[in-house]
N, C-alpha and C. Protein backbone atom coordinates (compact mmCIF):
# COMPACT_ATOMS: atom_id res chain seq x y z
N MET A 1 -8.89 2.20 -18.30
CA MET A 1 -7.76 3.10 -18.36
C MET A 1 -6.87 2.84 -17.14
N ALA A 2 -5.69 2.33 -17.37
CA ALA A 2 -4.80 1.96 -16.29
C ALA A 2 -3.95 3.15 -15.86
N ARG A 3 -3.74 3.24 -14.56
CA ARG A 3 -2.86 4.29 -14.06
C ARG A 3 -1.50 3.68 -13.77
N LYS A 4 -0.47 4.49 -13.86
CA LYS A 4 0.86 3.99 -13.57
C LYS A 4 1.07 3.92 -12.08
N SER A 5 1.67 2.84 -11.62
CA SER A 5 1.97 2.72 -10.20
C SER A 5 3.24 3.51 -9.91
N ALA A 6 3.49 3.73 -8.63
CA ALA A 6 4.69 4.47 -8.22
C ALA A 6 5.94 3.76 -8.71
N ALA A 7 5.93 2.44 -8.64
CA ALA A 7 7.10 1.68 -9.07
C ALA A 7 7.29 1.78 -10.58
N ALA A 8 6.18 1.75 -11.34
CA ALA A 8 6.28 1.78 -12.80
C ALA A 8 6.64 3.16 -13.32
N SER A 9 6.22 4.21 -12.63
CA SER A 9 6.46 5.55 -13.14
C SER A 9 7.79 6.13 -12.66
N GLY A 10 8.57 5.35 -11.96
CA GLY A 10 9.85 5.83 -11.46
C GLY A 10 9.70 6.40 -10.06
N LYS A 11 10.75 6.99 -9.57
CA LYS A 11 10.74 7.51 -8.20
C LYS A 11 9.91 8.78 -8.13
N ARG A 12 8.99 8.83 -7.14
CA ARG A 12 8.17 10.01 -6.93
C ARG A 12 8.40 10.53 -5.52
N THR A 13 8.17 11.81 -5.36
CA THR A 13 8.28 12.41 -4.05
C THR A 13 6.89 12.68 -3.52
N PHE A 14 6.64 12.30 -2.27
CA PHE A 14 5.33 12.48 -1.68
C PHE A 14 5.40 13.54 -0.60
N ARG A 15 4.30 14.24 -0.42
CA ARG A 15 4.22 15.24 0.63
C ARG A 15 3.89 14.60 1.96
N VAL A 16 3.66 13.30 1.98
CA VAL A 16 3.33 12.59 3.21
C VAL A 16 4.51 11.71 3.58
N LYS A 17 5.02 11.91 4.80
CA LYS A 17 6.08 11.07 5.33
C LYS A 17 5.47 10.30 6.49
N PRO A 18 5.27 8.98 6.34
CA PRO A 18 4.67 8.20 7.43
C PRO A 18 5.52 8.28 8.70
N LEU A 19 4.84 8.27 9.83
CA LEU A 19 5.51 8.32 11.13
C LEU A 19 5.65 6.92 11.72
N ASP A 20 6.63 6.77 12.58
CA ASP A 20 6.88 5.54 13.33
C ASP A 20 6.84 4.30 12.44
N ASP A 21 5.97 3.33 12.75
CA ASP A 21 5.93 2.06 12.01
C ASP A 21 4.85 2.05 10.94
N ARG A 22 4.49 3.21 10.43
CA ARG A 22 3.47 3.28 9.39
C ARG A 22 4.10 3.29 8.00
N VAL A 23 3.34 2.78 7.03
CA VAL A 23 3.80 2.77 5.64
C VAL A 23 2.69 3.32 4.74
N LEU A 24 3.09 3.92 3.63
CA LEU A 24 2.16 4.42 2.63
C LEU A 24 2.15 3.40 1.48
N VAL A 25 0.97 2.84 1.21
CA VAL A 25 0.83 1.79 0.19
C VAL A 25 -0.04 2.29 -0.94
N GLU A 26 0.41 2.10 -2.17
CA GLU A 26 -0.41 2.38 -3.34
C GLU A 26 -1.10 1.08 -3.72
N PRO A 27 -2.43 1.00 -3.52
CA PRO A 27 -3.13 -0.26 -3.79
C PRO A 27 -3.14 -0.59 -5.28
N ASP A 28 -3.11 -1.90 -5.58
CA ASP A 28 -3.27 -2.35 -6.96
C ASP A 28 -4.70 -2.04 -7.39
N GLU A 29 -4.91 -1.96 -8.68
CA GLU A 29 -6.26 -1.71 -9.17
C GLU A 29 -7.14 -2.93 -8.98
N ALA A 30 -8.42 -2.70 -8.73
CA ALA A 30 -9.37 -3.79 -8.55
C ALA A 30 -9.55 -4.53 -9.88
N GLU A 31 -9.82 -5.81 -9.78
CA GLU A 31 -10.04 -6.63 -10.98
C GLU A 31 -11.27 -6.12 -11.72
N GLU A 32 -11.16 -6.00 -13.05
CA GLU A 32 -12.28 -5.53 -13.84
C GLU A 32 -13.10 -6.67 -14.42
N ARG A 33 -12.52 -7.87 -14.43
CA ARG A 33 -13.22 -9.03 -14.98
C ARG A 33 -13.07 -10.20 -14.02
N THR A 34 -14.06 -11.07 -14.02
CA THR A 34 -13.97 -12.30 -13.23
C THR A 34 -13.07 -13.28 -13.97
N SER A 35 -12.74 -14.39 -13.34
CA SER A 35 -11.91 -15.39 -14.00
C SER A 35 -12.61 -15.98 -15.21
N GLY A 36 -13.95 -15.91 -15.24
CA GLY A 36 -14.74 -16.39 -16.38
C GLY A 36 -14.88 -15.36 -17.49
N GLY A 37 -14.36 -14.14 -17.28
CA GLY A 37 -14.38 -13.12 -18.31
C GLY A 37 -15.54 -12.13 -18.21
N ILE A 38 -16.34 -12.21 -17.16
CA ILE A 38 -17.47 -11.30 -17.00
C ILE A 38 -16.96 -9.94 -16.52
N LEU A 39 -17.38 -8.88 -17.20
CA LEU A 39 -16.99 -7.52 -16.85
C LEU A 39 -17.74 -7.09 -15.60
N LEU A 40 -17.02 -6.60 -14.59
CA LEU A 40 -17.63 -6.19 -13.33
C LEU A 40 -17.88 -4.68 -13.30
N PRO A 41 -19.07 -4.26 -12.86
CA PRO A 41 -19.31 -2.83 -12.67
C PRO A 41 -18.54 -2.34 -11.44
N ASP A 42 -18.33 -1.03 -11.31
CA ASP A 42 -17.57 -0.48 -10.20
C ASP A 42 -18.12 -0.92 -8.84
N ALA A 43 -19.43 -0.98 -8.70
CA ALA A 43 -20.04 -1.34 -7.41
C ALA A 43 -19.75 -2.78 -7.00
N ALA A 44 -19.45 -3.65 -7.96
CA ALA A 44 -19.23 -5.07 -7.66
C ALA A 44 -17.75 -5.41 -7.47
N LYS A 45 -16.86 -4.46 -7.75
CA LYS A 45 -15.43 -4.74 -7.62
C LYS A 45 -15.05 -4.84 -6.15
N GLU A 46 -14.20 -5.82 -5.85
CA GLU A 46 -13.72 -5.98 -4.48
C GLU A 46 -12.60 -4.99 -4.21
N LYS A 47 -12.54 -4.53 -2.99
CA LYS A 47 -11.49 -3.62 -2.56
C LYS A 47 -10.16 -4.37 -2.65
N PRO A 48 -9.13 -3.79 -3.30
CA PRO A 48 -7.85 -4.49 -3.40
C PRO A 48 -7.22 -4.69 -2.02
N GLN A 49 -6.51 -5.80 -1.87
CA GLN A 49 -5.85 -6.11 -0.62
C GLN A 49 -4.34 -6.23 -0.80
N ARG A 50 -3.86 -5.75 -1.91
CA ARG A 50 -2.42 -5.76 -2.11
C ARG A 50 -2.01 -4.50 -2.85
N GLY A 51 -0.74 -4.17 -2.69
CA GLY A 51 -0.24 -2.96 -3.31
C GLY A 51 1.26 -2.85 -3.14
N THR A 52 1.78 -1.67 -3.45
CA THR A 52 3.22 -1.41 -3.41
C THR A 52 3.52 -0.37 -2.35
N VAL A 53 4.51 -0.65 -1.52
CA VAL A 53 4.94 0.32 -0.51
C VAL A 53 5.67 1.46 -1.23
N VAL A 54 5.18 2.69 -1.06
CA VAL A 54 5.80 3.84 -1.73
C VAL A 54 6.52 4.77 -0.75
N ALA A 55 6.27 4.62 0.55
CA ALA A 55 6.98 5.39 1.57
C ALA A 55 6.86 4.64 2.89
N ALA A 56 7.87 4.77 3.73
CA ALA A 56 7.86 4.08 5.02
C ALA A 56 8.42 5.00 6.09
N GLY A 57 7.89 4.85 7.30
CA GLY A 57 8.38 5.62 8.44
C GLY A 57 9.71 5.08 8.93
N PRO A 58 10.28 5.73 9.95
CA PRO A 58 11.59 5.32 10.46
C PRO A 58 11.58 4.08 11.33
N GLY A 59 10.41 3.62 11.76
CA GLY A 59 10.31 2.45 12.62
C GLY A 59 9.74 2.83 13.97
N LYS A 60 9.21 1.83 14.66
CA LYS A 60 8.58 2.06 15.96
C LYS A 60 9.62 2.46 17.00
N LEU A 61 9.29 3.44 17.83
CA LEU A 61 10.17 3.88 18.90
C LEU A 61 10.04 2.91 20.07
N LEU A 62 11.14 2.28 20.44
CA LEU A 62 11.15 1.30 21.51
C LEU A 62 11.33 1.99 22.86
N ASP A 63 11.05 1.28 23.94
CA ASP A 63 11.21 1.82 25.29
C ASP A 63 12.64 2.26 25.56
N SER A 64 13.59 1.62 24.91
CA SER A 64 15.01 1.95 25.10
C SER A 64 15.40 3.25 24.40
N GLY A 65 14.49 3.81 23.58
CA GLY A 65 14.79 5.03 22.84
C GLY A 65 15.31 4.77 21.44
N GLU A 66 15.55 3.52 21.11
CA GLU A 66 16.01 3.16 19.76
C GLU A 66 14.81 2.90 18.86
N ARG A 67 15.05 2.87 17.57
CA ARG A 67 14.00 2.60 16.59
C ARG A 67 14.13 1.17 16.09
N ALA A 68 13.00 0.46 16.05
CA ALA A 68 12.97 -0.88 15.47
C ALA A 68 12.99 -0.74 13.95
N THR A 69 13.68 -1.62 13.27
CA THR A 69 13.71 -1.56 11.80
C THR A 69 12.45 -2.20 11.24
N LEU A 70 11.96 -1.65 10.15
CA LEU A 70 10.76 -2.18 9.50
C LEU A 70 11.11 -3.42 8.69
N SER A 71 10.15 -4.33 8.58
CA SER A 71 10.34 -5.55 7.79
C SER A 71 10.08 -5.31 6.31
N VAL A 72 9.44 -4.18 5.98
CA VAL A 72 9.14 -3.85 4.59
C VAL A 72 9.93 -2.62 4.18
N LYS A 73 10.15 -2.49 2.89
CA LYS A 73 10.87 -1.32 2.37
C LYS A 73 10.14 -0.79 1.14
N VAL A 74 10.48 0.39 0.73
CA VAL A 74 9.88 1.00 -0.45
C VAL A 74 10.09 0.08 -1.66
N GLY A 75 9.02 -0.14 -2.40
CA GLY A 75 9.08 -1.00 -3.59
C GLY A 75 8.55 -2.41 -3.35
N ASP A 76 8.41 -2.82 -2.09
CA ASP A 76 7.89 -4.16 -1.78
C ASP A 76 6.41 -4.25 -2.18
N LYS A 77 6.03 -5.38 -2.78
CA LYS A 77 4.63 -5.69 -3.05
C LYS A 77 4.11 -6.41 -1.82
N VAL A 78 3.04 -5.87 -1.22
CA VAL A 78 2.55 -6.41 0.04
C VAL A 78 1.07 -6.77 -0.03
N VAL A 79 0.66 -7.64 0.88
CA VAL A 79 -0.74 -7.99 1.07
C VAL A 79 -1.12 -7.47 2.45
N TYR A 80 -2.25 -6.76 2.53
CA TYR A 80 -2.68 -6.20 3.81
C TYR A 80 -4.13 -6.57 4.06
N GLY A 81 -4.57 -6.41 5.31
CA GLY A 81 -5.93 -6.76 5.70
C GLY A 81 -6.98 -5.93 4.96
N ARG A 82 -8.15 -6.51 4.76
CA ARG A 82 -9.22 -5.85 4.00
C ARG A 82 -9.59 -4.49 4.57
N TYR A 83 -9.63 -4.35 5.88
CA TYR A 83 -10.01 -3.09 6.50
C TYR A 83 -8.84 -2.41 7.19
N ALA A 84 -7.63 -2.71 6.75
CA ALA A 84 -6.43 -2.16 7.37
C ALA A 84 -6.21 -0.71 6.96
N GLY A 85 -5.68 0.05 7.89
CA GLY A 85 -5.23 1.40 7.60
C GLY A 85 -6.33 2.40 7.28
N THR A 86 -5.88 3.54 6.79
CA THR A 86 -6.76 4.65 6.43
C THR A 86 -6.55 4.99 4.97
N GLU A 87 -7.64 5.07 4.23
CA GLU A 87 -7.55 5.41 2.81
C GLU A 87 -7.47 6.92 2.67
N ILE A 88 -6.53 7.37 1.83
CA ILE A 88 -6.39 8.79 1.55
C ILE A 88 -6.21 8.97 0.05
N LYS A 89 -6.34 10.21 -0.42
CA LYS A 89 -6.08 10.52 -1.83
C LYS A 89 -4.99 11.58 -1.88
N LEU A 90 -3.99 11.34 -2.72
CA LEU A 90 -2.93 12.30 -2.98
C LEU A 90 -2.91 12.56 -4.47
N ASP A 91 -3.06 13.80 -4.85
CA ASP A 91 -3.12 14.18 -6.26
C ASP A 91 -4.17 13.36 -7.01
N GLY A 92 -5.28 13.04 -6.33
CA GLY A 92 -6.39 12.31 -6.94
C GLY A 92 -6.21 10.81 -7.00
N GLU A 93 -5.09 10.30 -6.53
CA GLU A 93 -4.85 8.85 -6.56
C GLU A 93 -5.04 8.26 -5.17
N PRO A 94 -5.61 7.05 -5.07
CA PRO A 94 -5.86 6.45 -3.75
C PRO A 94 -4.60 5.82 -3.16
N PHE A 95 -4.45 5.97 -1.85
CA PHE A 95 -3.37 5.36 -1.10
C PHE A 95 -3.93 4.87 0.23
N VAL A 96 -3.19 3.99 0.88
CA VAL A 96 -3.55 3.49 2.20
C VAL A 96 -2.36 3.73 3.12
N ILE A 97 -2.61 4.36 4.28
CA ILE A 97 -1.58 4.47 5.31
C ILE A 97 -1.94 3.44 6.37
N CYS A 98 -1.03 2.53 6.65
CA CYS A 98 -1.31 1.50 7.65
C CYS A 98 -0.06 1.22 8.47
N ARG A 99 -0.27 0.58 9.61
CA ARG A 99 0.86 0.17 10.45
C ARG A 99 1.51 -1.06 9.82
N GLU A 100 2.77 -1.25 10.12
CA GLU A 100 3.47 -2.43 9.61
C GLU A 100 2.77 -3.71 10.06
N SER A 101 2.18 -3.69 11.25
CA SER A 101 1.49 -4.89 11.76
C SER A 101 0.22 -5.21 10.97
N ASP A 102 -0.33 -4.25 10.21
CA ASP A 102 -1.50 -4.51 9.37
C ASP A 102 -1.12 -5.24 8.08
N ILE A 103 0.17 -5.26 7.77
CA ILE A 103 0.64 -5.94 6.56
C ILE A 103 0.78 -7.42 6.87
N LEU A 104 0.12 -8.24 6.06
CA LEU A 104 0.08 -9.68 6.30
C LEU A 104 1.27 -10.41 5.70
N GLY A 105 1.83 -9.86 4.63
CA GLY A 105 2.96 -10.53 3.99
C GLY A 105 3.53 -9.74 2.84
N VAL A 106 4.72 -10.13 2.41
CA VAL A 106 5.40 -9.51 1.27
C VAL A 106 5.37 -10.52 0.13
N LEU A 107 4.92 -10.08 -1.03
CA LEU A 107 4.87 -10.96 -2.21
C LEU A 107 6.25 -11.03 -2.84
N GLU A 108 6.72 -12.23 -3.09
CA GLU A 108 8.04 -12.43 -3.69
C GLU A 108 7.90 -13.02 -5.08
N GLY A 109 8.87 -12.69 -5.91
CA GLY A 109 8.90 -13.29 -7.23
C GLY A 109 8.33 -12.54 -8.31
C-alpha cells in the first residue's frame, strides 16, 4: 500500500518549521523487492537514504548577522547519510529533520 508523497499530494502545511540550516525530508519508501524479484520482509528492508524536501529553514546565521542561503529548496529530491538527522512522525508519517550539511546531493532529472 503506497502512501502519497508531499510532492505528489500537492502543497501541504506542516506544523514543524525547521530552524536555521535544517530541512524536513519525507523519505522515499523502502524497496519491497530485490532486483531479482524476491519479496523482502519489513525487518530486512534497508532504511531509505533519499527523499523529498518538504520544508526548509531560513538558512544558517552567519557571524555578520546575515543568513546564508540554502542549497536545497522545497520539492528537491535529495540523498542523505544513512544515520543523518532525527526521525520524527507527523500525522503518523515518517520524516527526517537534518542539517543541510547532512545532505549528500540533489537528484536531478
